[in-house]
Amino acid sequence: MSELAIVGSVLFTLFVQAAITAGMFAWGRWVARRRGTVAWARAAWLPVVAGVLWLLGTGGTVLGLVRAFEQVADVPVEHKVQTLAASIQTAMWATALFSIPSGVLYLVALVAFALGSRR
């Protein structure tokens, strides 16, 4: 896969994630106006927080992978595999650390807004 295709797919993913976050935020604001309580107004921000967490996880993963390949350049040949594996593992922890709470917040917001939309 070419670099242009990779960049294009990452930008498309960012656009889709931003659209989902904006749509859920708008839905949450609609529910908050309909319900008229402070708790619902605060709940409307759940998708935004989830989107920020997702971006932090993705950014951490990308930076961790870039760092992993930079570290491999500086180690002897016999240690390259171990160094690369350990660095990639660290980068993937950034994904888990931020993406799992992000998914949970999106799910909580989805359920809350669905329940809040009912009369």
C-alpha atoms as a PDB file:
ATOM      1  CA  MET A   1       0.000   0.000   0.000  1.00  0.00           C
ATOM      2  CA  SER A   2       1.375   3.400  -0.923  1.00  0.00           C
ATOM      3  CA  GLU A   3       1.977   6.188   1.568  1.00  0.00           C
ATOM      4  CA  LEU A   4      -0.684   8.313  -0.106  1.00  0.00           C
ATOM      5  CA  ALA A   5      -3.267   5.561   0.341  1.00  0.00           C
ATOM      6  CA  ILE A   6      -2.334   5.187   4.011  1.00  0.00           C
ATOM      7  CA  VAL A   7      -2.575   8.925   4.645  1.00  0.00           C
ATOM      8  CA  GLY A   8      -5.883   9.019   2.778  1.00  0.00           C
ATOM      9  CA  SER A   9      -7.339   6.189   4.825  1.00  0.00           C
ATOM     10  CA  VAL A  10      -6.201   7.818   8.083  1.00  0.00           C
ATOM     11  CA  LEU A  11      -7.756  11.139   7.068  1.00  0.00           C
ATOM     12  CA  PHE A  12     -10.978   9.379   6.063  1.00  0.00           C
ATOM     13  CA  THR A  13     -11.072   7.606   9.424  1.00  0.00           C
ATOM     14  CA  LEU A  14     -10.541  10.906  11.253  1.00  0.00           C
ATOM     15  CA  PHE A  15     -13.355  12.473   9.232  1.00  0.00           C
ATOM     16  CA  VAL A  16     -15.750   9.605   9.995  1.00  0.00           C
ATOM     17  CA  GLN A  17     -14.855   9.703  13.700  1.00  0.00           C
ATOM     18  CA  ALA A  18     -15.406  13.472  13.798  1.00  0.00           C
ATOM     19  CA  ALA A  19     -18.760  13.086  12.022  1.00  0.00           C
ATOM     20  CA  ILE A  20     -19.901  10.398  14.475  1.00  0.00           C
ATOM     21  CA  THR A  21     -18.808  12.531  17.432  1.00  0.00           C
ATOM     22  CA  ALA A  22     -20.522  15.653  16.075  1.00  0.00           C
ATOM     23  CA  GLY A  23     -23.711  13.725  15.312  1.00  0.00           C
ATOM     24  CA  MET A  24     -23.842  12.173  18.760  1.00  0.00           C
ATOM     25  CA  PHE A  25     -23.103  15.544  20.375  1.00  0.00           C
ATOM     26  CA  ALA A  26     -25.981  17.123  18.421  1.00  0.00           C
ATOM     27  CA  TRP A  27     -28.265  14.258  19.470  1.00  0.00           C
ATOM     28  CA  GLY A  28     -27.184  14.739  23.089  1.00  0.00           C
ATOM     29  CA  ARG A  29     -27.870  18.471  22.929  1.00  0.00           C
ATOM     30  CA  TRP A  30     -31.327  17.741  21.487  1.00  0.00           C
ATOM     31  CA  VAL A  31     -32.049  15.322  24.341  1.00  0.00           C
ATOM     32  CA  ALA A  32     -30.705  17.872  26.860  1.00  0.00           C
ATOM     33  CA  ARG A  33     -33.004  20.596  25.518  1.00  0.00           C
ATOM     34  CA  ARG A  34     -35.933  18.192  25.551  1.00  0.00           C
ATOM     35  CA  ARG A  35     -35.254  16.949  29.099  1.00  0.00           C
ATOM     36  CA  GLY A  36     -34.103  20.325  30.415  1.00  0.00           C
ATOM     37  CA  THR A  37     -31.806  19.161  33.209  1.00  0.00           C
ATOM     38  CA  VAL A  38     -28.176  19.905  33.942  1.00  0.00           C
ATOM     39  CA  ALA A  39     -27.328  16.186  33.967  1.00  0.00           C
ATOM     40  CA  TRP A  40     -28.524  15.785  30.385  1.00  0.00           C
ATOM     41  CA  ALA A  41     -26.637  18.921  29.328  1.00  0.00           C
ATOM     42  CA  ARG A  42     -23.466  17.400  30.771  1.00  0.00           C
ATOM     43  CA  ALA A  43     -24.201  13.998  29.248  1.00  0.00           C
ATOM     44  CA  ALA A  44     -24.275  15.635  25.821  1.00  0.00           C
ATOM     45  CA  TRP A  45     -20.503  16.112  26.156  1.00  0.00           C
ATOM     46  CA  LEU A  46     -19.791  12.371  26.561  1.00  0.00           C
ATOM     47  CA  PRO A  47     -19.193  11.812  22.810  1.00  0.00           C
ATOM     48  CA  VAL A  48     -16.784  14.764  22.693  1.00  0.00           C
ATOM     49  CA  VAL A  49     -14.759  13.358  25.583  1.00  0.00           C
ATOM     50  CA  ALA A  50     -14.832   9.946  23.893  1.00  0.00           C
ATOM     51  CA  GLY A  51     -13.607  11.483  20.638  1.00  0.00           C
ATOM     52  CA  VAL A  52     -10.733  13.248  22.387  1.00  0.00           C
ATOM     53  CA  LEU A  53      -9.739   9.995  24.108  1.00  0.00           C
ATOM     54  CA  TRP A  54      -9.828   8.208  20.752  1.00  0.00           C
ATOM     55  CA  LEU A  55      -7.595  10.883  19.214  1.00  0.00           C
ATOM     56  CA  LEU A  56      -5.148  10.656  22.109  1.00  0.00           C
ATOM     57  CA  GLY A  57      -4.977   6.877  21.717  1.00  0.00           C
ATOM     58  CA  THR A  58      -4.471   7.083  17.980  1.00  0.00           C
ATOM     59  CA  GLY A  59      -1.858   9.809  18.322  1.00  0.00           C
ATOM     60  CA  GLY A  60      -0.046   7.876  21.029  1.00  0.00           C
ATOM     61  CA  THR A  61       0.000   4.783  18.853  1.00  0.00           C
ATOM     62  CA  VAL A  62       1.350   6.642  15.848  1.00  0.00           C
ATOM     63  CA  LEU A  63       4.024   8.423  17.882  1.00  0.00           C
ATOM     64  CA  GLY A  64       4.919   5.156  19.606  1.00  0.00           C
ATOM     65  CA  LEU A  65       5.323   3.362  16.287  1.00  0.00           C
ATOM     66  CA  VAL A  66       7.465   6.155  14.863  1.00  0.00           C
ATOM     67  CA  ARG A  67       9.625   5.996  17.990  1.00  0.00           C
ATOM     68  CA  ALA A  68       9.809   2.199  17.718  1.00  0.00           C
ATOM     69  CA  PHE A  69      11.275   2.336  14.236  1.00  0.00           C
ATOM     70  CA  GLU A  70      13.657   5.114  15.229  1.00  0.00           C
ATOM     71  CA  GLN A  71      14.930   2.994  18.132  1.00  0.00           C
ATOM     72  CA  VAL A  72      15.512   0.003  15.879  1.00  0.00           C
ATOM     73  CA  ALA A  73      17.928   2.034  13.793  1.00  0.00           C
ATOM     74  CA  ASP A  74      20.227   2.527  16.780  1.00  0.00           C
ATOM     75  CA  VAL A  75      20.518  -1.042  18.112  1.00  0.00           C
ATOM     76  CA  PRO A  76      22.764  -3.886  16.989  1.00  0.00           C
ATOM     77  CA  VAL A  77      21.335  -6.334  14.463  1.00  0.00           C
ATOM     78  CA  GLU A  78      20.982  -9.191  16.952  1.00  0.00           C
ATOM     79  CA  HIS A  79      18.674  -7.065  19.176  1.00  0.00           C
ATOM     80  CA  LYS A  80      16.511  -5.447  16.490  1.00  0.00           C
ATOM     81  CA  VAL A  81      13.645  -7.934  16.711  1.00  0.00           C
ATOM     82  CA  GLN A  82      13.360  -7.735  20.492  1.00  0.00           C
ATOM     83  CA  THR A  83      13.615  -3.940  20.493  1.00  0.00           C
ATOM     84  CA  LEU A  84      11.004  -3.575  17.773  1.00  0.00           C
ATOM     85  CA  ALA A  85       8.604  -5.998  19.468  1.00  0.00           C
ATOM     86  CA  ALA A  86       8.912  -4.245  22.827  1.00  0.00           C
ATOM     87  CA  SER A  87       8.451  -0.806  21.263  1.00  0.00           C
ATOM     88  CA  ILE A  88       5.408  -1.903  19.266  1.00  0.00           C
ATOM     89  CA  GLN A  89       3.923  -3.421  22.406  1.00  0.00           C
ATOM     90  CA  THR A  90       4.318  -0.091  24.183  1.00  0.00           C
ATOM     91  CA  ALA A  91       2.671   1.728  21.274  1.00  0.00           C
ATOM     92  CA  MET A  92      -0.267  -0.673  21.323  1.00  0.00           C
ATOM     93  CA  TRP A  93      -0.755  -0.026  25.031  1.00  0.00           C
ATOM     94  CA  ALA A  94      -1.531   3.578  24.105  1.00  0.00           C
ATOM     95  CA  THR A  95      -4.321   2.281  21.909  1.00  0.00           C
ATOM     96  CA  ALA A  96      -5.764   0.136  24.680  1.00  0.00           C
ATOM     97  CA  LEU A  97      -5.331   2.782  27.359  1.00  0.00           C
ATOM     98  CA  PHE A  98      -7.354   5.394  25.489  1.00  0.00           C
ATOM     99  CA  SER A  99      -9.514   3.502  22.981  1.00  0.00           C
ATOM    100  CA  ILE A 100     -11.237   1.182  25.450  1.00  0.00           C
ATOM    101  CA  PRO A 101     -12.543   4.033  27.661  1.00  0.00           C
ATOM    102  CA  SER A 102     -13.447   5.907  24.482  1.00  0.00           C
ATOM    103  CA  GLY A 103     -15.565   3.008  23.262  1.00  0.00           C
ATOM    104  CA  VAL A 104     -17.231   2.668  26.657  1.00  0.00           C
ATOM    105  CA  LEU A 105     -18.094   6.390  26.696  1.00  0.00           C
ATOM    106  CA  TYR A 106     -19.532   6.189  23.177  1.00  0.00           C
ATOM    107  CA  LEU A 107     -21.638   3.203  24.235  1.00  0.00           C
ATOM    108  CA  VAL A 108     -22.838   4.932  27.419  1.00  0.00           C
ATOM    109  CA  ALA A 109     -23.746   8.041  25.406  1.00  0.00           C
ATOM    110  CA  LEU A 110     -25.587   5.956  22.817  1.00  0.00           C
ATOM    111  CA  VAL A 111     -27.662   4.152  25.451  1.00  0.00           C
ATOM    112  CA  ALA A 112     -28.299   7.343  27.428  1.00  0.00           C
ATOM    113  CA  PHE A 113     -29.398   9.313  24.373  1.00  0.00           C
ATOM    114  CA  ALA A 114     -31.602   6.472  23.173  1.00  0.00           C
ATOM    115  CA  LEU A 115     -33.298   6.305  26.571  1.00  0.00           C
ATOM    116  CA  GLY A 116     -33.477  10.097  26.766  1.00  0.00           C
ATOM    117  CA  SER A 117     -35.133  10.283  23.352  1.00  0.00           C
ATOM    118  CA  ARG A 118     -38.065   8.193  24.529  1.00  0.00           C
ATOM    119  CA  ARG A 119     -41.071   9.986  25.958  1.00  0.00           C
END
